[in-house]
Structure formats: C-alpha cells, structure tokens
Amino acid sequence: MRLVDQEKIKEFKRLEDAVVTMTPHQVKPLRSPAQELELGKKVTKAFQKEKNPFRRELAIQKILLKERLEPIRDDDLFAGRFGDGFFGYLPEIAGSYVGFYFMEPCLDQYLNSDTVSELERKEWEELRKFWRENATHKLAYRQAWAEIVSLKNKISAQGDDLPEHWQLAQTTSAWMWFVKETTNRVAGPYLNIGLLLAKGINGLKELIKDVYAVNTDPNIYLYYESALALLDFFSDKIIASYEEEADTKGKHLLSAALARIKKDPLLIYTRLCNWRGSIWW
C-alpha cells in the first residue's frame, strides 16, 4: 500500500474517532450559564408536568427549538444554527449523551468559578439533583447495572464459573465503562433528509396520517398526534420566523426555499429522484 494511502486511512480513522467520541459541548461553545439556568427551569417544569412520554418530548422540543435556534448570520447559506447548552434532548447518540441529557462536567466547571452567587448555585444544584435521576443516560446506566448484577448473581447461584474476563470488570471504573458501552445505542431515529426534501413538511404529515389510519393500537395514538403537532410547530413557528428573517436580510433565495419546504416538494430534487427511480438515503 502506498504511503499516501496509509496517511489517508490514518486521517479518516482520526476523524471517525473524533465523531464517535464527541460530546455536544466539544462541538461548539455553550450558551451563557444565565441563559441556560432560566431555560433549565422551563424544561424541568415541562418534564415534571407532562407524564406521557410523547407529549413530554413535544412540550420540551417546543421550548428548546424556540430558545436554542439562533438568528441567521450574514454569511449563512442555510437557517437553523443551534446553540448548545448544559442540558437538552438528542434523538441520537452524541458521545455518551442521548435522549434527555445533563452535562455535569460543564456545570462543575462553571460552579467552580468565583462569579456564581449562592442563589444561582442553589438553583443549579436543584436542577442537577432532578436530572441525575431523570436524564436518559443516567436511567440507562442504572438499568444496565441492575441487569449485570442480576446476571452475575444468577451465574454464581448456578455454580457456573464466571467468564475469564469477568475479573477485569471488578473495579468501579471498569464496570461503568462496560455499562456505558453496552447501553450506548438506545436510540435509533434519524431524519430522512431525502424524504423531507421530496415530500415537504405537508407531505410528511400525510405520510404520518396514512400510517396512523391503518394502526389498530389505541395506545400509540399520542405518538402520531405528537409527531403531527411538532411538525405544525416547526412549520408555523420556526420556519415561518426564519422565512421572514431571511427576507428582511435580503436572502430571498433562502426565504423561497423555506417557503417551499413547508408546503411543496422541491421540484428539482423530486425530478432527480424520479430520474433515479427512487430516493436513496
């Protein structure tokens, strides 16, 4: 293999490792702690108020989208910059965070500074206490730990020998590494960009309605209802706001694209997909 190929492989491996191991706060700077504290109170209140998981996610997504999405910058070609924070919601893995997350290391770094008042420190610690119990990765760790201990006890009770590598996992750090690595894939959703561009938001809503129409499980109704409500919010509030902002800043092509994606497929993309015979994603 040529040296240049080996160097490329090393670089690709480095990039892959960086993506796999990244956490949200390593990607870009966090928003200010003052902003995050007030937002944290809103999100926590919504989480406590709504018991149904589908409606809870809907309520919190509405808060986060409205608060975290940033204005269009002068050199932006697209809309939708998203500000990172100490906590939030991720539909897919980012480092060890998924679902509802709370990044305690970031909070600890801030609380160690001399600028934090006693009242602010108390409010942050109250949020920390709540999210230690309710963050998705914390729940997953505790559940996996219980399953591992149960498995160990079951094997011991049967008189079987533990696996050879079991002794390597006796320290707390090794145990927690194993727990983390075995619970790191608890979400599988993804956004089908091709389908969004081909169908538009209205088209996605029709697809959801079609699926719901043939679903006979009444318990899943709130899932489809929440999905439709979130698409309505995204279209009527978020995209509409960006559309108006783009026009104000003279970005008329961007404004037109935002208007089209709310209602209709993007014709060029649709024709391309028809030419290829299907949408590959």
Protein backbone atom coordinates (compact mmCIF):
# COMPACT_ATOMS: atom_id res chain seq x y z
CA MET A 1 0.00 0.00 0.00
CA ARG A 2 1.35 3.41 -0.90
CA LEU A 3 2.37 5.76 1.91
CA VAL A 4 -0.18 8.36 0.84
CA ASP A 5 -2.98 5.78 1.19
CA GLN A 6 -1.80 4.87 4.68
CA GLU A 7 -1.79 8.53 5.69
CA LYS A 8 -5.32 8.96 4.35
CA ILE A 9 -6.51 5.92 6.29
CA LYS A 10 -4.97 7.32 9.48
CA GLU A 11 -6.68 10.65 8.91
CA PHE A 12 -10.04 9.00 8.26
CA LYS A 13 -9.60 6.94 11.44
CA ARG A 14 -8.80 10.08 13.41
CA LEU A 15 -11.93 11.81 12.10
CA GLU A 16 -14.05 8.73 12.80
CA ASP A 17 -12.77 8.53 16.37
CA ALA A 18 -13.46 12.21 16.88
CA VAL A 19 -17.05 11.83 15.74
CA VAL A 20 -17.73 8.66 17.72
CA THR A 21 -16.31 10.01 20.97
CA MET A 22 -17.51 13.60 20.73
CA THR A 23 -19.87 15.12 23.26
CA PRO A 24 -22.13 18.08 22.46
CA HIS A 25 -20.05 20.63 24.39
CA GLN A 26 -16.93 19.75 22.37
CA VAL A 27 -18.54 20.69 19.09
CA LYS A 28 -19.03 24.42 19.79
CA PRO A 29 -19.17 26.77 22.78
CA LEU A 30 -22.05 26.53 25.22
CA ARG A 31 -24.59 29.28 25.67
CA SER A 32 -24.21 31.54 28.71
CA PRO A 33 -25.00 29.96 32.12
CA ALA A 34 -27.57 32.69 32.81
CA GLN A 35 -29.49 31.73 29.66
CA GLU A 36 -29.18 28.06 30.48
CA LEU A 37 -30.43 28.43 34.05
CA GLU A 38 -33.69 30.07 33.02
CA LEU A 39 -34.15 27.60 30.17
CA GLY A 40 -33.37 24.74 32.54
CA LYS A 41 -36.18 25.81 34.84
CA LYS A 42 -38.64 25.85 31.92
CA VAL A 43 -37.58 22.44 30.62
CA THR A 44 -37.63 20.85 34.08
CA LYS A 45 -41.08 22.25 34.78
CA ALA A 46 -42.39 20.88 31.47
CA PHE A 47 -40.81 17.47 32.18
CA GLN A 48 -42.43 17.30 35.61
CA LYS A 49 -45.82 18.49 34.36
CA GLU A 50 -46.28 16.12 31.41
CA LYS A 51 -46.32 12.43 32.33
CA ASN A 52 -46.94 10.97 28.87
CA PRO A 53 -43.52 10.48 27.19
CA PHE A 54 -44.74 11.56 23.73
CA ARG A 55 -46.39 14.75 24.94
CA ARG A 56 -43.46 15.41 27.26
CA GLU A 57 -40.98 15.29 24.39
CA LEU A 58 -43.27 17.51 22.30
CA ALA A 59 -43.50 20.13 25.06
CA ILE A 60 -39.75 20.18 25.63
CA GLN A 61 -38.87 20.22 21.94
CA LYS A 62 -41.06 23.29 21.51
CA ILE A 63 -39.19 25.06 24.29
CA LEU A 64 -35.73 24.06 23.06
CA LEU A 65 -36.36 24.86 19.39
CA LYS A 66 -37.68 28.30 20.24
CA GLU A 67 -34.88 29.15 22.67
CA ARG A 68 -31.84 27.49 21.11
CA LEU A 69 -32.20 28.16 17.39
CA GLU A 70 -30.04 31.17 16.52
CA PRO A 71 -30.62 34.07 14.09
CA ILE A 72 -29.36 33.85 10.51
CA ARG A 73 -25.87 35.31 10.15
CA ASP A 74 -24.86 37.50 7.22
CA ASP A 75 -22.70 34.79 5.65
CA ASP A 76 -25.13 31.91 6.26
CA LEU A 77 -26.46 29.97 3.28
CA PHE A 78 -28.83 27.97 5.48
CA ALA A 79 -31.00 28.67 8.50
CA GLY A 80 -31.05 26.69 11.72
CA ARG A 81 -27.88 27.17 13.77
CA PHE A 82 -28.50 25.51 17.13
CA GLY A 83 -26.90 26.75 20.35
CA ASP A 84 -25.56 24.07 22.70
CA GLY A 85 -26.21 24.07 26.43
CA PHE A 86 -25.71 22.22 29.71
CA PHE A 87 -28.77 20.07 29.06
CA GLY A 88 -31.23 19.25 26.32
CA TYR A 89 -32.64 16.49 24.16
CA LEU A 90 -30.84 14.43 21.50
CA PRO A 91 -32.65 11.83 19.34
CA GLU A 92 -29.34 10.10 18.58
CA ILE A 93 -26.05 9.38 20.32
CA ALA A 94 -23.55 12.23 20.72
CA GLY A 95 -20.70 10.81 22.77
CA SER A 96 -22.36 9.29 25.83
CA TYR A 97 -25.41 11.55 25.66
CA VAL A 98 -28.77 10.60 24.18
CA GLY A 99 -32.38 11.47 24.89
CA PHE A 100 -32.69 13.92 27.78
CA TYR A 101 -29.16 14.76 28.92
CA PHE A 102 -27.46 16.93 31.53
CA MET A 103 -23.71 17.61 31.29
CA GLU A 104 -22.46 17.81 34.85
CA PRO A 105 -18.77 18.35 33.97
CA CYS A 106 -19.70 21.61 32.23
CA LEU A 107 -21.76 22.70 35.20
CA ASP A 108 -18.97 21.82 37.65
CA GLN A 109 -16.51 23.90 35.68
CA TYR A 110 -18.83 26.89 35.85
CA LEU A 111 -19.71 26.46 39.54
CA ASN A 112 -16.02 26.39 40.44
CA SER A 113 -15.68 29.99 39.30
CA ASP A 114 -15.91 32.95 41.69
CA THR A 115 -18.73 34.63 39.78
CA VAL A 116 -21.55 32.35 40.94
CA SER A 117 -23.93 33.72 43.58
CA GLU A 118 -25.24 31.50 46.35
CA LEU A 119 -28.80 31.73 44.99
CA GLU A 120 -27.67 30.73 41.50
CA ARG A 121 -25.60 27.86 42.90
CA LYS A 122 -28.63 26.60 44.86
CA GLU A 123 -30.86 26.72 41.76
CA TRP A 124 -28.28 24.86 39.68
CA GLU A 125 -27.89 22.17 42.34
CA GLU A 126 -31.65 21.66 42.39
CA LEU A 127 -31.59 21.12 38.62
CA ARG A 128 -28.63 18.77 38.96
CA LYS A 129 -30.45 16.66 41.55
CA PHE A 130 -33.51 16.30 39.31
CA TRP A 131 -31.61 15.41 36.14
CA ARG A 132 -29.34 12.95 37.90
CA GLU A 133 -32.48 10.91 38.40
CA ASN A 134 -34.21 11.59 35.07
CA ALA A 135 -31.56 12.06 32.36
CA THR A 136 -31.88 9.24 29.82
CA HIS A 137 -28.25 8.10 30.05
CA LYS A 138 -28.49 8.01 33.86
CA LEU A 139 -31.62 5.82 33.68
CA ALA A 140 -29.96 3.56 31.11
CA TYR A 141 -26.83 3.17 33.26
CA ARG A 142 -28.82 2.23 36.37
CA GLN A 143 -30.96 -0.28 34.47
CA ALA A 144 -27.94 -1.88 32.81
CA TRP A 145 -26.09 -2.04 36.14
CA ALA A 146 -29.02 -3.89 37.72
CA GLU A 147 -29.10 -6.34 34.82
CA ILE A 148 -25.37 -7.01 35.07
CA VAL A 149 -25.54 -7.64 38.83
CA SER A 150 -28.54 -9.92 38.31
CA LEU A 151 -26.67 -11.90 35.65
CA LYS A 152 -23.62 -12.26 37.89
CA ASN A 153 -25.73 -13.48 40.80
CA LYS A 154 -27.58 -15.92 38.54
CA ILE A 155 -24.36 -17.43 37.23
CA SER A 156 -22.90 -17.69 40.74
CA ALA A 157 -26.09 -19.29 42.12
CA GLN A 158 -25.99 -21.97 39.42
CA GLY A 159 -22.44 -22.85 40.42
CA ASP A 160 -21.09 -21.97 36.98
CA ASP A 161 -17.71 -20.38 36.52
CA LEU A 162 -17.72 -16.72 35.64
CA PRO A 163 -16.24 -15.80 32.24
CA GLU A 164 -12.45 -15.38 32.25
CA HIS A 165 -12.69 -11.64 31.56
CA TRP A 166 -15.11 -11.10 34.47
CA GLN A 167 -12.31 -10.34 36.93
CA LEU A 168 -11.26 -7.45 34.69
CA ALA A 169 -14.60 -5.77 35.39
CA GLN A 170 -14.42 -5.74 39.19
CA THR A 171 -13.34 -2.13 39.61
CA THR A 172 -15.96 0.62 39.54
CA SER A 173 -14.35 2.32 36.55
CA ALA A 174 -14.29 -0.90 34.54
CA TRP A 175 -17.87 -1.72 35.49
CA MET A 176 -19.11 1.70 34.45
CA TRP A 177 -17.16 1.53 31.21
CA PHE A 178 -18.90 -1.76 30.43
CA VAL A 179 -22.29 -0.31 31.37
CA LYS A 180 -21.72 2.74 29.19
CA GLU A 181 -20.55 0.79 26.17
CA THR A 182 -23.44 -1.69 26.36
CA THR A 183 -26.14 0.98 26.71
CA ASN A 184 -24.78 3.48 24.21
CA ARG A 185 -27.24 2.62 21.44
CA VAL A 186 -30.62 3.22 22.97
CA ALA A 187 -31.98 5.41 20.14
CA GLY A 188 -32.46 4.60 16.50
CA PRO A 189 -34.39 7.50 14.96
CA TYR A 190 -32.94 9.57 12.17
CA LEU A 191 -34.13 12.32 9.86
CA ASN A 192 -34.62 11.18 6.29
CA ILE A 193 -33.47 14.35 4.56
CA GLY A 194 -34.28 12.96 1.13
CA LEU A 195 -37.86 12.27 2.12
CA LEU A 196 -38.21 15.72 3.68
CA LEU A 197 -36.97 17.43 0.51
CA ALA A 198 -39.09 15.25 -1.76
CA LYS A 199 -42.32 15.46 0.24
CA GLY A 200 -42.10 18.72 2.15
CA ILE A 201 -43.48 19.03 5.66
CA ASN A 202 -47.07 18.73 4.46
CA GLY A 203 -46.10 15.53 2.66
CA LEU A 204 -44.55 14.12 5.82
CA LYS A 205 -47.74 14.91 7.71
CA GLU A 206 -49.77 13.00 5.14
CA LEU A 207 -47.45 10.00 5.47
CA ILE A 208 -47.92 10.04 9.26
CA LYS A 209 -51.69 10.21 8.85
CA ASP A 210 -51.62 7.27 6.43
CA VAL A 211 -49.63 5.15 8.90
CA TYR A 212 -51.93 6.10 11.76
CA ALA A 213 -55.04 5.26 9.72
CA VAL A 214 -54.02 1.59 9.48
CA ASN A 215 -52.66 1.28 13.04
CA THR A 216 -55.01 -0.53 15.37
CA ASP A 217 -53.17 0.17 18.63
CA PRO A 218 -55.02 2.96 20.51
CA ASN A 219 -52.07 3.41 22.89
CA ILE A 220 -49.88 4.67 20.06
CA TYR A 221 -52.28 7.46 19.08
CA LEU A 222 -50.44 10.08 21.16
CA TYR A 223 -47.22 9.26 19.34
CA TYR A 224 -48.68 10.20 15.96
CA GLU A 225 -50.57 13.13 17.44
CA SER A 226 -47.35 14.49 18.96
CA ALA A 227 -45.40 13.99 15.74
CA LEU A 228 -48.00 15.95 13.76
CA ALA A 229 -48.10 18.70 16.40
CA LEU A 230 -44.31 19.07 16.33
CA LEU A 231 -44.29 19.35 12.52
CA ASP A 232 -47.00 22.01 12.75
CA PHE A 233 -44.97 23.94 15.31
CA PHE A 234 -41.80 23.62 13.25
CA SER A 235 -43.57 24.84 10.11
CA ASP A 236 -45.78 27.58 11.57
CA LYS A 237 -43.38 28.99 14.14
CA ILE A 238 -39.76 28.10 13.39
CA ILE A 239 -39.61 28.00 9.59
CA ALA A 240 -42.05 30.90 9.22
CA SER A 241 -39.87 33.01 11.52
CA TYR A 242 -36.72 32.14 9.57
CA GLU A 243 -38.54 32.84 6.30
CA GLU A 244 -39.41 36.36 7.46
CA GLU A 245 -35.89 36.96 8.79
CA ALA A 246 -34.31 35.80 5.53
CA ASP A 247 -36.47 38.24 3.56
CA THR A 248 -35.58 41.08 5.92
CA LYS A 249 -31.86 40.36 5.39
CA GLY A 250 -32.23 40.20 1.62
CA LYS A 251 -31.73 36.43 1.44
CA HIS A 252 -34.69 35.89 -0.87
CA LEU A 253 -33.49 32.57 -2.29
CA LEU A 254 -33.27 31.14 1.22
CA SER A 255 -36.68 32.55 2.08
CA ALA A 256 -38.19 30.95 -1.03
CA ALA A 257 -36.62 27.57 -0.19
CA LEU A 258 -38.01 27.72 3.34
CA ALA A 259 -41.48 28.53 1.98
CA ARG A 260 -41.34 25.60 -0.46
CA ILE A 261 -40.18 23.06 2.11
CA LYS A 262 -43.13 23.94 4.33
CA LYS A 263 -45.68 23.15 1.65
CA ASP A 264 -44.41 21.51 -1.52
CA PRO A 265 -41.60 19.23 -2.65
CA LEU A 266 -38.53 20.90 -4.12
CA LEU A 267 -39.17 20.24 -7.82
CA ILE A 268 -35.56 19.85 -8.87
CA TYR A 269 -34.92 17.27 -6.17
CA THR A 270 -38.15 15.43 -6.95
CA ARG A 271 -37.27 15.23 -10.65
CA LEU A 272 -33.82 13.94 -9.78
CA CYS A 273 -35.33 11.26 -7.55
CA ASN A 274 -37.82 10.27 -10.27
CA TRP A 275 -34.98 10.04 -12.77
CA ARG A 276 -33.02 7.75 -10.45
CA GLY A 277 -36.15 5.70 -9.81
CA SER A 278 -36.17 6.01 -6.03
CA ILE A 279 -34.94 8.02 -3.10
CA TRP A 280 -31.71 6.65 -1.73
CA TRP A 281 -30.79 7.62 1.79
